Amino acid sequence: MTKEQSHLRRILFIEELSPLIGKTANTIRTCATNAKYQHLIPRPFKLPNSRRLAWYEEDVLTWMGQAVPVGPTGRRRGRPTKAEQLARARLAAAIESQR
């Protein structure tokens, strides 16, 4: 790698970004062009005299690193399934037998 190449930032286009973030190219285009969905992808830019959307690789990796993992959700709506009811009853019986 020469000295000039070390200062260049790698540019990703939709084809490379799509498998990296797990969204289709069409979804990425929609998110980039519609203000309602712009928070769902890293901010793109366009090269001079080009219509293609582009991203700096380091910006994408930073964006991915900032993503907060989703924790377990609360209880589901509705009545518990029979399997869930039986599991809860067995757990309660096991706790009672230990006392």
Protein backbone atom coordinates (compact mmCIF):
# COMPACT_ATOMS: atom_id res chain seq x y z
CA MET A 1 0.00 0.00 0.00
CA THR A 2 1.48 3.34 -0.99
CA LYS A 3 1.39 6.49 1.07
CA GLU A 4 -1.38 7.99 -1.08
CA GLN A 5 -3.59 4.90 -0.78
CA SER A 6 -3.41 4.89 3.01
CA HIS A 7 -5.31 8.21 3.11
CA LEU A 8 -8.13 7.02 0.86
CA ARG A 9 -11.33 5.91 2.54
CA ARG A 10 -13.05 2.83 1.11
CA ILE A 11 -16.38 3.65 -0.53
CA LEU A 12 -19.29 1.20 -0.50
CA PHE A 13 -22.14 1.20 -2.98
CA ILE A 14 -25.55 -0.40 -2.53
CA GLU A 15 -24.32 -3.75 -3.85
CA GLU A 16 -21.70 -4.01 -1.07
CA LEU A 17 -23.85 -2.39 1.63
CA SER A 18 -26.85 -4.67 1.13
CA PRO A 19 -25.33 -7.94 2.45
CA LEU A 20 -23.39 -6.04 5.10
CA ILE A 21 -26.48 -4.64 6.84
CA GLY A 22 -28.95 -7.33 5.76
CA LYS A 23 -31.33 -5.16 3.74
CA THR A 24 -32.23 -5.42 0.07
CA ALA A 25 -31.01 -2.81 -2.40
CA ASN A 26 -34.57 -1.61 -2.93
CA THR A 27 -35.09 -1.14 0.82
CA ILE A 28 -31.83 0.80 1.09
CA ARG A 29 -32.87 3.11 -1.77
CA THR A 30 -36.25 3.70 -0.12
CA CYS A 31 -34.65 4.46 3.24
CA ALA A 32 -32.11 6.83 1.67
CA THR A 33 -34.63 8.82 -0.37
CA ASN A 34 -37.59 8.96 2.01
CA ALA A 35 -37.14 11.21 5.06
CA LYS A 36 -39.48 9.00 7.07
CA TYR A 37 -37.04 6.07 6.94
CA GLN A 38 -33.63 7.80 6.91
CA HIS A 39 -32.91 6.76 10.50
CA LEU A 40 -32.84 3.08 9.43
CA ILE A 41 -29.56 3.23 7.48
CA PRO A 42 -26.28 5.16 7.67
CA ARG A 43 -26.32 8.55 5.92
CA PRO A 44 -25.36 8.21 2.23
CA PHE A 45 -23.64 10.69 -0.08
CA LYS A 46 -23.26 11.02 -3.84
CA LEU A 47 -19.99 11.36 -5.71
CA PRO A 48 -19.65 14.40 -8.00
CA ASN A 49 -21.35 13.87 -11.38
CA SER A 50 -22.94 10.65 -10.15
CA ARG A 51 -26.44 9.58 -9.14
CA ARG A 52 -25.30 6.51 -7.21
CA LEU A 53 -25.62 6.41 -3.46
CA ALA A 54 -22.37 5.77 -1.63
CA TRP A 55 -21.19 5.25 1.94
CA TYR A 56 -17.80 5.34 3.61
CA GLU A 57 -17.01 1.90 5.01
CA GLU A 58 -15.81 3.28 8.34
CA ASP A 59 -19.07 5.26 8.75
CA VAL A 60 -21.11 2.10 8.14
CA LEU A 61 -19.04 0.09 10.63
CA THR A 62 -19.38 2.88 13.22
CA TRP A 63 -23.15 2.96 12.64
CA MET A 64 -23.34 -0.81 13.07
CA GLY A 65 -21.30 -0.60 16.28
CA GLN A 66 -23.69 1.96 17.74
CA ALA A 67 -26.70 -0.28 17.27
CA VAL A 68 -28.24 -1.27 20.58
CA PRO A 69 -29.13 -4.95 20.84
CA VAL A 70 -32.79 -5.57 21.50
CA GLY A 71 -33.40 -7.17 24.86
CA PRO A 72 -36.04 -9.74 25.65
CA THR A 73 -39.55 -8.42 25.32
CA GLY A 74 -42.14 -8.45 28.06
CA ARG A 75 -45.02 -10.85 28.30
CA ARG A 76 -46.97 -11.68 25.17
CA ARG A 77 -50.55 -10.62 24.79
CA GLY A 78 -53.29 -13.12 25.40
CA ARG A 79 -53.60 -16.34 27.28
CA PRO A 80 -50.48 -18.47 27.78
CA THR A 81 -50.24 -21.62 25.67
CA LYS A 82 -50.80 -25.01 27.29
CA ALA A 83 -47.06 -25.70 27.09
CA GLU A 84 -46.31 -22.42 28.87
CA GLN A 85 -48.93 -23.18 31.54
CA LEU A 86 -47.50 -26.67 32.15
CA ALA A 87 -43.94 -25.34 32.30
CA ARG A 88 -44.96 -22.70 34.84
CA ALA A 89 -46.84 -25.29 36.92
CA ARG A 90 -43.84 -27.67 36.89
CA LEU A 91 -41.52 -24.84 37.92
CA ALA A 92 -43.83 -23.85 40.77
CA ALA A 93 -44.05 -27.50 41.91
CA ALA A 94 -40.26 -27.85 41.82
CA ILE A 95 -39.84 -24.71 43.90
CA GLU A 96 -42.42 -25.90 46.44
CA SER A 97 -40.74 -29.31 46.75
CA GLN A 98 -37.40 -27.64 47.56
CA ARG A 99 -38.89 -25.71 50.50
